[in-house]
Amino acid sequence: MPRTLLKDEHWTKLLPILRDLGIYSKPNLRRILEGILYRIRTGIPWRDLPEYFGKYHTVYTVLRPIIFWNGFSRNNSGSRL
């Protein structure tokens, strides 16, 4: 199992933001978001995402609305996610 980043405190604050973006609360949404963070942290290709996080295409599909949200469209270095 890969290391995860989200603590319960962060998750409770993040869930309403995701709902506002139109990302509905699936039972595995937290694991999918952990997959997004894992991919960003490690820089691996989407297809190499560990199955622990779900199918890579599902994880990427959840990421798309977050990317196009103005507050998260680019990271601090200005490069794309």
Protein backbone atom coordinates (compact mmCIF):
# COMPACT_ATOMS: atom_id res chain seq x y z
CA MET A 1 0.00 0.00 0.00
CA PRO A 2 1.45 3.39 -0.99
CA ARG A 3 1.89 6.16 1.54
CA THR A 4 -1.04 8.53 1.75
CA LEU A 5 -1.08 12.24 2.59
CA LEU A 6 -4.60 13.24 3.64
CA LYS A 7 -5.36 13.31 7.32
CA ASP A 8 -8.98 13.13 8.49
CA GLU A 9 -8.89 16.81 9.41
CA HIS A 10 -7.86 17.81 5.87
CA TRP A 11 -10.39 15.47 4.28
CA THR A 12 -13.33 16.97 6.19
CA LYS A 13 -12.33 20.44 4.95
CA LEU A 14 -11.69 19.31 1.38
CA LEU A 15 -14.89 17.31 0.82
CA PRO A 16 -17.24 20.36 0.66
CA ILE A 17 -14.88 22.04 -1.84
CA LEU A 18 -14.97 18.97 -4.07
CA ARG A 19 -18.77 18.91 -3.89
CA ASP A 20 -18.86 22.57 -4.94
CA LEU A 21 -16.77 21.60 -7.97
CA GLY A 22 -19.39 19.01 -8.90
CA ILE A 23 -17.32 16.02 -7.81
CA TYR A 24 -19.81 13.82 -6.05
CA SER A 25 -18.91 11.81 -2.98
CA LYS A 26 -18.21 8.23 -4.05
CA PRO A 27 -17.19 5.65 -1.45
CA ASN A 28 -13.64 5.64 -2.84
CA LEU A 29 -13.32 9.39 -3.52
CA ARG A 30 -10.73 9.85 -0.80
CA ARG A 31 -8.60 7.06 -2.25
CA ILE A 32 -8.94 8.59 -5.73
CA LEU A 33 -7.80 11.98 -4.42
CA GLU A 34 -4.90 10.26 -2.68
CA GLY A 35 -4.03 8.79 -6.09
CA ILE A 36 -3.95 12.27 -7.61
CA LEU A 37 -1.63 13.48 -4.86
CA TYR A 38 0.53 10.36 -5.21
CA ARG A 39 0.90 10.90 -8.95
CA ILE A 40 1.80 14.58 -8.48
CA ARG A 41 4.29 13.75 -5.71
CA THR A 42 6.06 10.94 -7.58
CA GLY A 43 5.76 12.19 -11.18
CA ILE A 44 4.86 8.74 -12.51
CA PRO A 45 2.84 8.28 -15.70
CA TRP A 46 -0.90 7.86 -15.16
CA ARG A 47 -0.79 4.27 -16.37
CA ASP A 48 1.71 3.38 -13.65
CA LEU A 49 -0.54 4.54 -10.81
CA PRO A 50 -0.82 1.71 -8.24
CA GLU A 51 -4.15 -0.13 -8.36
CA TYR A 52 -4.66 0.73 -4.70
CA PHE A 53 -6.00 4.11 -5.87
CA GLY A 54 -8.35 2.66 -8.49
CA LYS A 55 -8.19 2.65 -12.28
CA TYR A 56 -5.87 5.36 -13.56
CA HIS A 57 -8.48 6.67 -16.00
CA THR A 58 -11.02 7.09 -13.19
CA VAL A 59 -8.49 8.99 -11.08
CA TYR A 60 -7.64 11.28 -14.01
CA THR A 61 -11.33 11.86 -14.78
CA VAL A 62 -11.88 13.10 -11.22
CA LEU A 63 -8.83 15.37 -11.56
CA ARG A 64 -10.08 17.19 -14.69
CA PRO A 65 -12.61 19.51 -12.96
CA ILE A 66 -10.00 20.33 -10.33
CA ILE A 67 -7.48 21.29 -13.04
CA PHE A 68 -9.92 23.68 -14.69
CA TRP A 69 -10.91 25.32 -11.42
CA ASN A 70 -9.13 28.72 -11.37
CA GLY A 71 -7.58 28.27 -7.95
CA PHE A 72 -5.84 25.03 -8.87
CA SER A 73 -5.13 25.28 -12.60
CA ARG A 74 -1.37 25.61 -12.10
CA ASN A 75 0.92 24.71 -9.25
CA ASN A 76 3.39 27.18 -7.73
CA SER A 77 6.08 26.59 -10.36
CA GLY A 78 3.66 27.41 -13.18
CA SER A 79 3.86 23.96 -14.77
CA ARG A 80 0.81 21.93 -15.62
CA LEU A 81 -0.35 19.02 -13.47
